[in-house]
N, C-alpha and C. Protein backbone atom coordinates (compact mmCIF):
# COMPACT_ATOMS: atom_id res chain seq x y z
N UNK A 1 122.34 70.51 78.96
CA UNK A 1 122.95 69.80 80.03
C UNK A 1 121.93 69.34 80.95
N UNK A 2 122.08 68.13 81.45
CA UNK A 2 121.23 67.52 82.42
C UNK A 2 121.62 68.02 83.83
N UNK A 3 120.68 68.31 84.55
CA UNK A 3 120.80 68.66 86.06
C UNK A 3 120.84 67.52 86.89
N UNK A 4 122.06 67.12 87.57
CA UNK A 4 122.24 65.85 88.25
C UNK A 4 121.14 65.80 89.46
N UNK A 5 120.93 66.90 89.94
CA UNK A 5 119.98 66.82 91.12
C UNK A 5 118.55 66.45 90.64
N UNK A 6 118.21 67.04 89.46
CA UNK A 6 116.96 66.73 88.83
C UNK A 6 116.84 65.28 88.41
N UNK A 7 117.94 64.72 87.86
CA UNK A 7 117.97 63.39 87.41
C UNK A 7 117.84 62.50 88.65
N UNK A 8 118.46 62.94 89.78
CA UNK A 8 118.37 62.07 91.00
C UNK A 8 116.97 62.04 91.56
N UNK A 9 116.25 63.26 91.45
CA UNK A 9 114.94 63.30 91.96
C UNK A 9 114.06 62.38 91.11
N UNK A 10 114.17 62.40 89.84
CA UNK A 10 113.53 61.54 88.78
C UNK A 10 113.64 60.09 89.14
N UNK A 11 114.96 59.68 89.36
CA UNK A 11 115.23 58.26 89.68
C UNK A 11 114.66 57.89 90.93
N UNK A 12 114.62 58.74 92.00
CA UNK A 12 114.09 58.38 93.23
C UNK A 12 112.50 58.18 93.02
N UNK A 13 111.85 59.10 92.45
CA UNK A 13 110.35 58.91 92.23
C UNK A 13 110.05 57.63 91.40
N UNK A 14 110.85 57.40 90.39
CA UNK A 14 110.58 56.12 89.58
C UNK A 14 110.76 54.98 90.50
N UNK A 15 111.69 54.93 91.27
CA UNK A 15 112.07 53.78 92.24
C UNK A 15 110.99 53.71 93.17
N UNK A 16 110.55 54.77 93.65
CA UNK A 16 109.38 54.71 94.64
C UNK A 16 108.18 54.01 94.05
N UNK A 17 107.84 54.52 92.84
CA UNK A 17 106.70 53.83 91.98
C UNK A 17 106.92 52.38 91.76
N UNK A 18 108.10 52.07 91.38
CA UNK A 18 108.40 50.56 91.25
C UNK A 18 108.25 49.78 92.45
N UNK A 19 108.76 50.29 93.60
CA UNK A 19 108.64 49.61 94.91
C UNK A 19 107.18 49.60 95.36
N UNK A 20 106.43 50.59 94.99
CA UNK A 20 105.00 50.62 95.31
C UNK A 20 104.23 49.58 94.60
N UNK A 21 104.43 49.55 93.37
CA UNK A 21 103.81 48.43 92.45
C UNK A 21 104.19 47.11 92.90
N UNK A 22 105.48 46.84 93.27
CA UNK A 22 105.94 45.42 93.68
C UNK A 22 105.24 45.15 95.06
N UNK A 23 105.26 46.22 96.03
CA UNK A 23 104.69 45.99 97.36
C UNK A 23 103.25 45.65 97.11
N UNK A 24 102.50 46.31 96.31
CA UNK A 24 101.11 46.13 96.06
C UNK A 24 100.85 44.64 95.49
N UNK A 25 101.75 44.14 94.61
CA UNK A 25 101.65 42.77 94.26
C UNK A 25 101.88 41.72 95.37
N UNK A 26 102.84 42.06 96.22
CA UNK A 26 103.14 41.14 97.41
C UNK A 26 101.95 41.17 98.31
N UNK A 27 101.54 42.40 98.60
CA UNK A 27 100.43 42.53 99.52
C UNK A 27 99.11 41.85 98.99
N UNK A 28 98.85 41.96 97.65
CA UNK A 28 97.76 41.25 97.13
C UNK A 28 97.74 39.80 97.39
N UNK A 29 98.95 39.16 97.20
CA UNK A 29 99.10 37.74 97.47
C UNK A 29 98.75 37.38 98.89
N UNK A 30 99.36 38.27 99.78
CA UNK A 30 99.05 37.91 101.23
C UNK A 30 97.58 38.09 101.58
N UNK A 31 96.98 39.21 101.06
CA UNK A 31 95.52 39.50 101.36
C UNK A 31 94.61 38.48 100.79
N UNK A 32 94.98 37.86 99.61
CA UNK A 32 94.19 36.84 98.93
C UNK A 32 94.25 35.57 99.83
N UNK A 33 95.33 35.40 100.46
CA UNK A 33 95.55 34.06 101.36
C UNK A 33 94.52 34.06 102.49
N UNK A 34 94.00 35.32 102.95
CA UNK A 34 93.16 35.41 104.13
C UNK A 34 91.81 35.86 103.75
N UNK A 35 91.55 35.86 102.37
CA UNK A 35 90.14 36.22 101.98
C UNK A 35 89.81 37.69 101.85
N UNK A 36 90.75 38.55 101.74
CA UNK A 36 90.47 39.98 101.55
C UNK A 36 90.69 40.22 100.05
N UNK A 37 90.03 41.24 99.62
CA UNK A 37 90.12 41.57 98.08
C UNK A 37 91.22 42.65 97.72
N UNK A 38 91.73 43.29 98.72
CA UNK A 38 92.72 44.38 98.40
C UNK A 38 93.59 44.68 99.63
N UNK A 39 94.75 45.32 99.32
CA UNK A 39 95.66 45.70 100.28
C UNK A 39 94.98 46.92 101.18
N UNK A 40 94.25 47.67 100.52
CA UNK A 40 93.54 48.76 101.28
C UNK A 40 92.58 48.10 102.40
N UNK A 41 91.95 47.06 102.08
CA UNK A 41 91.12 46.43 103.19
C UNK A 41 92.02 46.09 104.35
N UNK A 42 93.26 45.61 104.12
CA UNK A 42 94.09 45.32 105.25
C UNK A 42 94.52 46.68 105.95
N UNK A 43 94.75 47.75 105.30
CA UNK A 43 94.95 49.05 105.86
C UNK A 43 93.82 49.41 106.85
N UNK A 44 92.62 49.14 106.33
CA UNK A 44 91.43 49.61 107.09
C UNK A 44 91.41 48.76 108.44
N UNK A 45 91.60 47.34 108.23
CA UNK A 45 91.48 46.67 109.43
C UNK A 45 92.65 46.93 110.37
N UNK A 46 93.79 47.21 109.92
CA UNK A 46 94.95 47.62 110.65
C UNK A 46 94.71 48.89 111.47
N UNK A 47 94.10 49.97 110.81
CA UNK A 47 93.83 51.14 111.42
C UNK A 47 92.80 51.04 112.58
N UNK A 48 91.84 50.21 112.30
CA UNK A 48 90.80 49.94 113.36
C UNK A 48 91.47 49.26 114.53
N UNK A 49 92.38 48.25 114.37
CA UNK A 49 92.98 47.58 115.42
C UNK A 49 93.90 48.54 116.17
N UNK A 50 94.67 49.49 115.45
CA UNK A 50 95.56 50.42 116.15
C UNK A 50 94.76 51.52 116.88
N UNK A 51 93.73 52.12 116.12
CA UNK A 51 93.10 53.24 116.76
C UNK A 51 91.83 53.09 117.33
N UNK A 52 91.22 51.76 117.27
CA UNK A 52 89.93 51.46 117.75
C UNK A 52 88.77 51.99 116.77
N UNK A 53 87.56 51.93 117.33
CA UNK A 53 86.42 52.24 116.44
C UNK A 53 86.65 53.80 115.87
N UNK A 54 86.24 53.85 114.60
CA UNK A 54 86.49 55.19 113.93
C UNK A 54 85.26 55.43 113.04
N UNK A 55 85.03 56.77 112.69
CA UNK A 55 84.12 57.16 111.72
C UNK A 55 84.81 56.82 110.33
N UNK A 56 83.89 56.79 109.34
CA UNK A 56 84.52 56.61 107.91
C UNK A 56 85.44 57.75 107.60
N UNK A 57 85.03 58.89 108.11
CA UNK A 57 86.00 60.20 107.77
C UNK A 57 87.34 59.83 108.44
N UNK A 58 87.33 59.43 109.61
CA UNK A 58 88.66 59.23 110.36
C UNK A 58 89.48 58.09 109.65
N UNK A 59 88.70 57.09 109.22
CA UNK A 59 89.49 55.93 108.53
C UNK A 59 90.08 56.56 107.30
N UNK A 60 89.32 57.31 106.44
CA UNK A 60 89.86 57.88 105.29
C UNK A 60 91.14 58.73 105.59
N UNK A 61 91.14 59.40 106.64
CA UNK A 61 92.24 60.21 106.94
C UNK A 61 93.49 59.37 107.34
N UNK A 62 93.15 58.32 108.19
CA UNK A 62 94.30 57.44 108.59
C UNK A 62 94.92 56.52 107.61
N UNK A 63 94.12 56.25 106.55
CA UNK A 63 94.51 55.31 105.54
C UNK A 63 94.80 56.05 104.13
N UNK A 64 94.40 57.26 103.94
CA UNK A 64 94.59 58.01 102.74
C UNK A 64 93.95 57.42 101.67
N UNK A 65 92.67 56.74 101.96
CA UNK A 65 91.87 56.16 100.86
C UNK A 65 90.68 57.17 100.55
N UNK A 66 90.39 57.41 99.32
CA UNK A 66 89.37 58.43 98.93
C UNK A 66 88.00 58.00 99.61
N UNK A 67 87.13 59.06 99.57
CA UNK A 67 85.72 58.85 100.15
C UNK A 67 84.97 57.61 99.39
N UNK A 68 84.98 57.72 98.13
CA UNK A 68 84.24 56.80 97.33
C UNK A 68 84.79 55.36 97.56
N UNK A 69 86.08 55.19 97.57
CA UNK A 69 86.63 53.81 97.69
C UNK A 69 86.43 53.41 99.07
N UNK A 70 86.45 54.30 100.10
CA UNK A 70 86.27 53.82 101.53
C UNK A 70 84.93 53.35 101.83
N UNK A 71 83.96 54.09 101.33
CA UNK A 71 82.61 53.56 101.47
C UNK A 71 82.30 52.25 100.88
N UNK A 72 82.82 51.94 99.71
CA UNK A 72 82.66 50.57 99.06
C UNK A 72 83.51 49.51 99.92
N UNK A 73 84.73 49.87 100.23
CA UNK A 73 85.46 48.82 100.98
C UNK A 73 84.91 48.55 102.38
N UNK A 74 84.45 49.62 103.09
CA UNK A 74 83.85 49.25 104.46
C UNK A 74 82.56 48.41 104.16
N UNK A 75 81.85 48.66 103.16
CA UNK A 75 80.64 47.85 102.91
C UNK A 75 81.07 46.37 102.72
N UNK A 76 82.04 46.12 101.79
CA UNK A 76 82.45 44.82 101.53
C UNK A 76 83.01 44.08 102.75
N UNK A 77 83.78 44.89 103.63
CA UNK A 77 84.30 44.31 104.80
C UNK A 77 83.09 43.92 105.75
N UNK A 78 82.09 44.72 105.84
CA UNK A 78 80.95 44.54 106.53
C UNK A 78 80.24 43.21 106.10
N UNK A 79 80.11 43.14 104.74
CA UNK A 79 79.37 41.96 104.31
C UNK A 79 80.14 40.64 104.47
N UNK A 80 81.50 40.79 104.56
CA UNK A 80 82.32 39.50 104.78
C UNK A 80 82.54 39.30 106.28
N UNK A 81 81.96 40.20 107.06
CA UNK A 81 82.00 39.94 108.52
C UNK A 81 83.23 40.39 109.20
N UNK A 82 84.18 41.23 108.55
CA UNK A 82 85.29 41.63 109.24
C UNK A 82 85.15 42.99 109.98
N UNK A 83 84.17 43.62 109.59
CA UNK A 83 83.87 44.94 110.44
C UNK A 83 82.37 45.00 110.66
N UNK A 84 82.03 45.70 111.68
CA UNK A 84 80.63 46.20 111.89
C UNK A 84 80.46 47.68 111.86
N UNK A 85 79.15 48.22 111.50
CA UNK A 85 79.04 49.51 111.51
C UNK A 85 77.80 49.98 112.27
N UNK A 86 77.72 51.14 112.79
CA UNK A 86 76.54 51.67 113.42
C UNK A 86 76.60 53.22 113.33
N UNK A 87 75.42 53.75 113.50
CA UNK A 87 75.32 55.22 113.50
C UNK A 87 75.99 55.74 114.72
N UNK A 88 76.64 56.89 114.69
CA UNK A 88 77.22 57.59 115.83
C UNK A 88 76.13 57.97 116.83
N UNK A 89 76.29 57.74 118.20
CA UNK A 89 75.33 58.00 119.09
C UNK A 89 74.95 59.52 119.25
N UNK A 90 75.88 60.39 118.96
CA UNK A 90 75.73 61.79 119.03
C UNK A 90 75.33 62.29 117.73
N UNK A 91 75.66 61.81 116.60
CA UNK A 91 75.32 62.36 115.24
C UNK A 91 74.94 61.18 114.27
N UNK A 92 73.68 61.11 113.98
CA UNK A 92 73.28 59.92 113.11
C UNK A 92 73.88 59.99 111.59
N UNK A 93 74.28 61.14 111.28
CA UNK A 93 74.86 61.21 109.93
C UNK A 93 76.24 60.55 109.86
N UNK A 94 76.83 60.30 111.06
CA UNK A 94 78.26 59.73 111.05
C UNK A 94 78.12 58.21 111.23
N UNK A 95 78.79 57.41 110.27
CA UNK A 95 78.84 55.97 110.41
C UNK A 95 80.11 55.66 111.14
N UNK A 96 79.95 54.86 112.32
CA UNK A 96 81.21 54.40 113.03
C UNK A 96 81.52 52.98 112.64
N UNK A 97 82.75 52.69 112.47
CA UNK A 97 83.17 51.29 112.04
C UNK A 97 84.00 50.62 113.08
N UNK A 98 83.81 49.39 113.35
CA UNK A 98 84.50 48.66 114.46
C UNK A 98 84.88 47.33 113.90
N UNK A 99 86.04 46.79 114.45
CA UNK A 99 86.64 45.52 114.04
C UNK A 99 85.84 44.35 114.68
N UNK A 100 85.53 43.39 114.07
CA UNK A 100 84.77 42.27 114.54
C UNK A 100 85.91 41.15 114.88
N UNK A 101 85.49 40.20 115.57
CA UNK A 101 86.34 39.02 115.94
C UNK A 101 86.97 38.37 114.65
N UNK A 102 86.19 38.18 113.64
CA UNK A 102 86.70 37.70 112.36
C UNK A 102 87.79 38.65 111.82
N UNK A 103 87.54 40.06 111.99
CA UNK A 103 88.54 40.93 111.50
C UNK A 103 89.89 40.84 112.24
N UNK A 104 89.78 40.64 113.51
CA UNK A 104 90.97 40.45 114.41
C UNK A 104 91.73 39.09 113.99
N UNK A 105 90.95 38.06 113.79
CA UNK A 105 91.56 36.78 113.37
C UNK A 105 92.31 36.99 111.97
N UNK A 106 91.59 37.68 111.07
CA UNK A 106 92.30 37.82 109.71
C UNK A 106 93.58 38.69 109.94
N UNK A 107 93.52 39.62 110.80
CA UNK A 107 94.81 40.47 110.97
C UNK A 107 95.89 39.60 111.67
N UNK A 108 95.52 38.70 112.53
CA UNK A 108 96.59 37.73 113.05
C UNK A 108 97.20 36.95 112.06
N UNK A 109 96.36 36.31 111.17
CA UNK A 109 96.83 35.51 110.03
C UNK A 109 97.78 36.30 109.17
N UNK A 110 97.33 37.60 108.80
CA UNK A 110 98.11 38.47 108.00
C UNK A 110 99.42 38.89 108.64
N UNK A 111 99.34 38.98 109.99
CA UNK A 111 100.65 39.34 110.69
C UNK A 111 101.65 38.23 110.58
N UNK A 112 101.24 37.01 110.67
CA UNK A 112 102.17 35.93 110.57
C UNK A 112 102.70 35.78 109.11
N UNK A 113 101.94 36.02 108.19
CA UNK A 113 102.35 35.97 106.78
C UNK A 113 103.40 37.07 106.46
N UNK A 114 103.02 38.29 106.98
CA UNK A 114 103.74 39.42 106.59
C UNK A 114 105.08 39.57 107.38
N UNK A 115 105.07 38.95 108.59
CA UNK A 115 106.40 38.95 109.40
C UNK A 115 107.41 38.17 108.53
N UNK A 116 106.98 37.06 108.06
CA UNK A 116 108.00 36.14 107.24
C UNK A 116 108.36 36.91 106.00
N UNK A 117 107.47 37.59 105.38
CA UNK A 117 107.73 38.37 104.11
C UNK A 117 108.74 39.44 104.43
N UNK A 118 108.48 40.25 105.51
CA UNK A 118 109.32 41.34 105.77
C UNK A 118 110.67 40.89 106.25
N UNK A 119 110.85 39.83 106.93
CA UNK A 119 112.24 39.38 107.29
C UNK A 119 112.97 39.15 106.02
N UNK A 120 112.40 38.45 105.04
CA UNK A 120 113.06 38.18 103.78
C UNK A 120 113.33 39.44 103.04
N UNK A 121 112.48 40.37 103.01
CA UNK A 121 112.48 41.62 102.12
C UNK A 121 113.78 42.56 102.76
N UNK A 122 113.78 42.60 104.10
CA UNK A 122 114.70 43.51 104.59
C UNK A 122 115.97 42.89 105.26
N UNK A 123 116.27 41.61 105.06
CA UNK A 123 117.31 40.97 105.54
C UNK A 123 118.67 41.52 105.09
N UNK A 124 118.78 42.10 103.98
CA UNK A 124 120.08 42.74 103.54
C UNK A 124 120.24 44.10 104.03
N UNK A 125 119.46 44.68 104.96
CA UNK A 125 119.43 45.98 105.47
C UNK A 125 120.03 45.96 106.91
N UNK A 126 120.79 46.79 107.32
CA UNK A 126 121.15 46.85 108.89
C UNK A 126 120.14 47.67 109.55
N UNK A 127 119.93 47.48 110.87
CA UNK A 127 118.98 48.16 111.54
C UNK A 127 119.03 49.70 111.39
N UNK A 128 120.22 50.34 111.47
CA UNK A 128 120.36 51.83 111.25
C UNK A 128 119.74 52.26 109.91
N UNK A 129 120.04 51.39 108.89
CA UNK A 129 119.64 51.74 107.60
C UNK A 129 118.11 51.64 107.54
N UNK A 130 117.60 50.61 108.14
CA UNK A 130 116.02 50.54 108.16
C UNK A 130 115.46 51.77 108.90
N UNK A 131 116.10 52.15 110.00
CA UNK A 131 115.50 53.28 110.82
C UNK A 131 115.46 54.57 109.86
N UNK A 132 116.58 54.72 109.16
CA UNK A 132 116.80 55.89 108.26
C UNK A 132 115.72 55.95 107.18
N UNK A 133 115.66 54.67 106.50
CA UNK A 133 114.65 54.60 105.44
C UNK A 133 113.19 54.85 105.92
N UNK A 134 112.96 54.46 107.09
CA UNK A 134 111.54 54.60 107.63
C UNK A 134 111.46 56.06 107.78
N UNK A 135 112.35 56.90 108.43
CA UNK A 135 112.23 58.24 108.69
C UNK A 135 112.18 59.00 107.44
N UNK A 136 112.83 58.68 106.43
CA UNK A 136 112.85 59.45 105.13
C UNK A 136 111.50 59.09 104.43
N UNK A 137 111.11 57.97 104.40
CA UNK A 137 109.79 57.69 103.76
C UNK A 137 108.69 58.41 104.44
N UNK A 138 108.60 58.34 105.83
CA UNK A 138 107.53 59.04 106.60
C UNK A 138 107.63 60.52 106.34
N UNK A 139 108.75 61.04 106.24
CA UNK A 139 108.89 62.48 105.96
C UNK A 139 108.40 62.96 104.54
N UNK A 140 108.69 62.05 103.57
CA UNK A 140 108.21 62.19 102.21
C UNK A 140 106.70 62.13 102.12
N UNK A 141 106.08 61.14 102.81
CA UNK A 141 104.59 60.95 102.93
C UNK A 141 104.02 62.18 103.50
N UNK A 142 104.61 62.73 104.56
CA UNK A 142 104.11 63.93 105.16
C UNK A 142 104.18 65.14 104.24
N UNK A 143 105.14 65.28 103.42
CA UNK A 143 105.31 66.40 102.50
C UNK A 143 104.29 66.24 101.32
N UNK A 144 104.24 64.97 100.82
CA UNK A 144 103.21 64.75 99.82
C UNK A 144 101.86 65.05 100.24
N UNK A 145 101.46 64.60 101.45
CA UNK A 145 100.25 64.80 102.02
C UNK A 145 99.89 66.19 102.20
N UNK A 146 100.78 66.96 102.79
CA UNK A 146 100.64 68.31 102.96
C UNK A 146 100.42 69.16 101.66
N UNK A 147 101.20 68.70 100.65
CA UNK A 147 101.04 69.46 99.39
C UNK A 147 99.72 69.19 98.72
N UNK A 148 99.21 67.96 98.84
CA UNK A 148 97.93 67.66 98.28
C UNK A 148 96.81 68.30 98.96
N UNK A 149 96.96 68.57 100.27
CA UNK A 149 95.79 69.16 101.09
C UNK A 149 95.99 70.68 101.14
N UNK A 150 96.88 71.24 100.41
CA UNK A 150 96.94 72.75 100.33
C UNK A 150 95.74 73.42 99.73
């Protein structure tokens, strides 16, 4: 006999994977329009705008990108002029990353594109439904992150 709760959990996980894959495709289209090569590069630029200059380690923690991927992405963003890097003034082993004017301009372009996309994507949801969805997804991300870091 199938356990209905187990089936519901399975369906939720599958739908989250489906949504993630679809969002990745939508995001790739948007980032390609502004010259970025991945959605993760958008996340990095967004984290720098929100939090200010950060070390690569802080960026990894804020974006949940692996160390190997982060180093390569920061290097590509640096080569394209979206970010600048420098040694930390207190500890030369630490590389600090900052947003450049080109990076800010790219984020402004992405904002305009994503606002239109988000309006279309969420138009069939009422504000309380969106707030609830956001809270539940945030909670799930927290649980997943905590379980991975145990």
